[in-house]
Amino acid sequence: MITMNLRKLSIGFLIAILVAISAFPTGNGLPTGITDQNTTDTVIANGCTCHNTNTEATSSVIVNLTLPENFTSGETYTLILNISGGPN
């Protein structure tokens, strides 16, 4: 009798946790992207790379990561990351 009640309690608790987890959003964003068009910020005005609403957007980001051709275990490497462009 006690194990049956414990099993029901465990299943109920598991269901309650699953419902609680599914009730919270996993991200915070609008499907249309940034919508404030009355701004001087080029990323907001033209859209970013995800929600680019203007085909003549002047903002872009270029990432260049320099890596060695081969890696050796235990050796230290210097990685160079160059990021250019994007909003001012």
N, C-alpha and C. Protein backbone atom coordinates (compact mmCIF):
# COMPACT_ATOMS: atom_id res chain seq x y z
N MET A 1 0.82 -1.19 0.00
CA MET A 1 0.00 0.00 0.00
C MET A 1 0.87 1.26 0.00
N ILE A 2 1.92 1.27 0.82
CA ILE A 2 2.81 2.44 0.91
C ILE A 2 3.58 2.61 -0.40
N THR A 3 4.06 1.50 -0.99
CA THR A 3 4.81 1.61 -2.25
C THR A 3 3.91 2.09 -3.38
N MET A 4 2.63 1.72 -3.37
CA MET A 4 1.70 2.17 -4.40
C MET A 4 1.50 3.69 -4.29
N ASN A 5 1.33 4.20 -3.07
CA ASN A 5 1.17 5.65 -2.87
C ASN A 5 2.45 6.40 -3.23
N LEU A 6 3.59 5.82 -2.90
CA LEU A 6 4.87 6.44 -3.23
C LEU A 6 5.05 6.50 -4.75
N ARG A 7 4.65 5.45 -5.43
CA ARG A 7 4.75 5.41 -6.89
C ARG A 7 3.84 6.48 -7.51
N LYS A 8 2.60 6.59 -7.02
CA LYS A 8 1.68 7.61 -7.53
C LYS A 8 2.21 9.01 -7.25
N LEU A 9 2.78 9.21 -6.08
CA LEU A 9 3.35 10.50 -5.73
C LEU A 9 4.53 10.84 -6.63
N SER A 10 5.37 9.85 -6.91
CA SER A 10 6.53 10.06 -7.78
C SER A 10 6.10 10.40 -9.20
N ILE A 11 5.11 9.68 -9.71
CA ILE A 11 4.61 9.95 -11.07
C ILE A 11 3.96 11.33 -11.13
N GLY A 12 3.19 11.68 -10.11
CA GLY A 12 2.57 13.00 -10.07
C GLY A 12 3.60 14.11 -10.01
N PHE A 13 4.64 13.91 -9.22
CA PHE A 13 5.71 14.90 -9.10
C PHE A 13 6.44 15.06 -10.44
N LEU A 14 6.71 13.95 -11.12
CA LEU A 14 7.38 13.99 -12.42
C LEU A 14 6.53 14.72 -13.45
N ILE A 15 5.23 14.45 -13.46
CA ILE A 15 4.33 15.13 -14.40
C ILE A 15 4.29 16.62 -14.09
N ALA A 16 4.25 16.98 -12.82
CA ALA A 16 4.22 18.39 -12.44
C ALA A 16 5.49 19.12 -12.89
N ILE A 17 6.63 18.47 -12.76
CA ILE A 17 7.89 19.08 -13.20
C ILE A 17 7.92 19.23 -14.72
N LEU A 18 7.46 18.23 -15.45
CA LEU A 18 7.43 18.32 -16.91
C LEU A 18 6.51 19.44 -17.38
N VAL A 19 5.37 19.59 -16.75
CA VAL A 19 4.45 20.67 -17.10
C VAL A 19 5.08 22.03 -16.78
N ALA A 20 5.75 22.13 -15.63
CA ALA A 20 6.38 23.39 -15.25
C ALA A 20 7.50 23.76 -16.22
N ILE A 21 8.29 22.79 -16.63
CA ILE A 21 9.40 23.06 -17.56
C ILE A 21 8.86 23.50 -18.91
N SER A 22 7.80 22.86 -19.38
CA SER A 22 7.27 23.20 -20.70
C SER A 22 6.53 24.54 -20.69
N ALA A 23 6.19 25.06 -19.53
CA ALA A 23 5.47 26.33 -19.44
C ALA A 23 6.40 27.52 -19.61
N PHE A 24 7.70 27.37 -19.39
CA PHE A 24 8.64 28.47 -19.50
C PHE A 24 9.19 28.55 -20.92
N PRO A 25 9.31 29.76 -21.47
CA PRO A 25 9.86 29.89 -22.82
C PRO A 25 11.35 29.58 -22.82
N THR A 26 11.84 29.05 -23.94
CA THR A 26 13.26 28.72 -24.04
C THR A 26 14.08 29.88 -24.57
N GLY A 27 13.44 30.89 -25.10
CA GLY A 27 14.16 32.05 -25.61
C GLY A 27 13.28 33.27 -25.56
N ASN A 28 13.89 34.40 -25.77
CA ASN A 28 13.14 35.64 -25.72
C ASN A 28 13.42 36.42 -27.00
N GLY A 29 12.51 36.38 -27.93
CA GLY A 29 12.70 37.10 -29.18
C GLY A 29 11.40 37.16 -29.95
N LEU A 30 11.36 38.07 -30.89
CA LEU A 30 10.19 38.21 -31.74
C LEU A 30 10.46 37.53 -33.08
N PRO A 31 9.48 36.88 -33.67
CA PRO A 31 9.70 36.23 -34.96
C PRO A 31 10.03 37.23 -36.07
N THR A 32 9.66 38.51 -35.87
CA THR A 32 9.96 39.53 -36.87
C THR A 32 11.28 40.23 -36.61
N GLY A 33 11.97 39.89 -35.52
CA GLY A 33 13.24 40.52 -35.20
C GLY A 33 13.05 41.85 -34.51
N ILE A 34 14.04 42.74 -34.66
CA ILE A 34 13.99 44.05 -34.04
C ILE A 34 13.04 44.92 -34.86
N THR A 35 12.08 45.57 -34.20
CA THR A 35 11.06 46.28 -34.97
C THR A 35 11.09 47.79 -34.81
N ASP A 36 12.01 48.35 -34.05
CA ASP A 36 12.06 49.80 -33.86
C ASP A 36 12.75 50.45 -35.06
N GLN A 37 11.96 50.91 -36.03
CA GLN A 37 12.52 51.50 -37.24
C GLN A 37 12.89 52.98 -37.07
N ASN A 38 12.45 53.62 -36.00
CA ASN A 38 12.74 55.04 -35.75
C ASN A 38 14.00 55.18 -34.92
N THR A 39 15.14 54.79 -35.47
CA THR A 39 16.40 54.82 -34.75
C THR A 39 17.53 55.12 -35.71
N THR A 40 18.67 55.54 -35.16
CA THR A 40 19.86 55.77 -35.98
C THR A 40 20.79 54.56 -35.97
N ASP A 41 20.50 53.56 -35.15
CA ASP A 41 21.32 52.34 -35.09
C ASP A 41 21.08 51.53 -36.36
N THR A 42 22.15 51.28 -37.15
CA THR A 42 21.98 50.59 -38.43
C THR A 42 21.52 49.16 -38.28
N VAL A 43 21.93 48.49 -37.21
CA VAL A 43 21.50 47.10 -37.03
C VAL A 43 20.00 47.05 -36.73
N ILE A 44 19.53 47.96 -35.90
CA ILE A 44 18.10 47.99 -35.59
C ILE A 44 17.31 48.45 -36.81
N ALA A 45 17.80 49.46 -37.52
CA ALA A 45 17.08 49.99 -38.68
C ALA A 45 17.07 49.02 -39.85
N ASN A 46 18.19 48.34 -40.11
CA ASN A 46 18.30 47.47 -41.28
C ASN A 46 18.08 46.00 -40.97
N GLY A 47 18.08 45.64 -39.72
CA GLY A 47 17.96 44.23 -39.37
C GLY A 47 19.33 43.60 -39.26
N CYS A 48 19.44 42.56 -38.46
CA CYS A 48 20.72 41.86 -38.34
C CYS A 48 20.76 40.75 -39.39
N THR A 49 21.74 39.87 -39.32
CA THR A 49 21.85 38.81 -40.31
C THR A 49 20.75 37.77 -40.17
N CYS A 50 20.10 37.71 -39.02
CA CYS A 50 19.01 36.74 -38.83
C CYS A 50 17.69 37.26 -39.39
N HIS A 51 17.42 38.54 -39.23
CA HIS A 51 16.14 39.13 -39.64
C HIS A 51 16.40 40.35 -40.52
N ASN A 52 17.18 40.17 -41.56
CA ASN A 52 17.55 41.30 -42.41
C ASN A 52 16.35 41.71 -43.25
N THR A 53 15.78 42.86 -42.94
CA THR A 53 14.60 43.33 -43.66
C THR A 53 14.95 44.29 -44.78
N ASN A 54 16.18 44.75 -44.83
CA ASN A 54 16.60 45.71 -45.84
C ASN A 54 17.70 45.07 -46.67
N THR A 55 17.49 44.93 -47.98
CA THR A 55 18.50 44.29 -48.82
C THR A 55 19.74 45.15 -48.99
N GLU A 56 19.65 46.44 -48.68
CA GLU A 56 20.78 47.34 -48.78
C GLU A 56 21.42 47.59 -47.42
N ALA A 57 21.36 46.63 -46.53
CA ALA A 57 21.89 46.82 -45.18
C ALA A 57 23.38 47.14 -45.22
N THR A 58 23.77 48.12 -44.43
CA THR A 58 25.17 48.54 -44.40
C THR A 58 25.94 47.86 -43.28
N SER A 59 25.28 47.08 -42.46
CA SER A 59 25.96 46.43 -41.35
C SER A 59 26.20 44.97 -41.66
N SER A 60 27.42 44.52 -41.44
CA SER A 60 27.76 43.11 -41.60
C SER A 60 28.94 42.80 -40.69
N VAL A 61 29.10 41.54 -40.36
CA VAL A 61 30.18 41.11 -39.48
C VAL A 61 31.01 40.07 -40.22
N ILE A 62 32.32 40.22 -40.17
CA ILE A 62 33.24 39.26 -40.78
C ILE A 62 34.11 38.70 -39.67
N VAL A 63 34.12 37.37 -39.52
CA VAL A 63 34.91 36.71 -38.49
C VAL A 63 35.99 35.89 -39.18
N ASN A 64 37.24 36.07 -38.76
CA ASN A 64 38.36 35.33 -39.32
C ASN A 64 39.13 34.72 -38.16
N LEU A 65 39.16 33.41 -38.07
CA LEU A 65 39.87 32.71 -37.00
C LEU A 65 41.03 31.95 -37.61
N THR A 66 42.25 32.30 -37.20
CA THR A 66 43.44 31.64 -37.72
C THR A 66 43.80 30.47 -36.81
N LEU A 67 43.84 29.28 -37.39
CA LEU A 67 44.14 28.06 -36.64
C LEU A 67 45.36 27.37 -37.24
N PRO A 68 46.12 26.63 -36.41
CA PRO A 68 47.21 25.83 -36.96
C PRO A 68 46.65 24.68 -37.80
N GLU A 69 47.47 24.18 -38.72
CA GLU A 69 47.02 23.09 -39.58
C GLU A 69 46.83 21.79 -38.81
N ASN A 70 47.71 21.53 -37.83
CA ASN A 70 47.62 20.32 -37.01
C ASN A 70 47.79 20.71 -35.54
N PHE A 71 47.16 19.95 -34.68
CA PHE A 71 47.28 20.17 -33.24
C PHE A 71 48.03 19.00 -32.62
N THR A 72 48.90 19.31 -31.64
CA THR A 72 49.63 18.29 -30.89
C THR A 72 49.17 18.37 -29.44
N SER A 73 48.84 17.22 -28.88
CA SER A 73 48.35 17.16 -27.51
C SER A 73 49.39 17.71 -26.54
N GLY A 74 48.96 18.56 -25.61
CA GLY A 74 49.84 19.11 -24.60
C GLY A 74 50.57 20.37 -25.01
N GLU A 75 50.51 20.75 -26.27
CA GLU A 75 51.20 21.94 -26.74
C GLU A 75 50.27 23.15 -26.64
N THR A 76 50.85 24.33 -26.40
CA THR A 76 50.08 25.56 -26.29
C THR A 76 50.10 26.29 -27.63
N TYR A 77 48.94 26.80 -28.03
CA TYR A 77 48.81 27.50 -29.30
C TYR A 77 48.24 28.89 -29.08
N THR A 78 48.61 29.79 -29.95
CA THR A 78 48.03 31.13 -29.95
C THR A 78 47.03 31.20 -31.09
N LEU A 79 45.78 31.49 -30.75
CA LEU A 79 44.74 31.62 -31.76
C LEU A 79 44.45 33.10 -31.97
N ILE A 80 44.29 33.48 -33.21
CA ILE A 80 44.02 34.87 -33.55
C ILE A 80 42.59 34.97 -34.08
N LEU A 81 41.79 35.81 -33.45
CA LEU A 81 40.41 36.02 -33.85
C LEU A 81 40.23 37.47 -34.25
N ASN A 82 39.89 37.71 -35.52
CA ASN A 82 39.64 39.06 -36.02
C ASN A 82 38.15 39.20 -36.31
N ILE A 83 37.53 40.21 -35.73
CA ILE A 83 36.13 40.50 -35.99
C ILE A 83 36.06 41.92 -36.52
N SER A 84 35.44 42.10 -37.67
CA SER A 84 35.31 43.44 -38.24
C SER A 84 33.88 43.65 -38.70
N GLY A 85 33.49 44.91 -38.74
CA GLY A 85 32.13 45.25 -39.16
C GLY A 85 31.20 45.28 -37.99
N GLY A 86 29.92 45.19 -38.28
CA GLY A 86 28.91 45.23 -37.25
C GLY A 86 28.49 46.64 -36.93
N PRO A 87 27.67 46.81 -35.92
CA PRO A 87 27.18 48.15 -35.58
C PRO A 87 28.28 49.01 -34.98
N ASN A 88 28.15 50.29 -35.13
CA ASN A 88 29.13 51.23 -34.57
C ASN A 88 28.90 51.42 -33.10
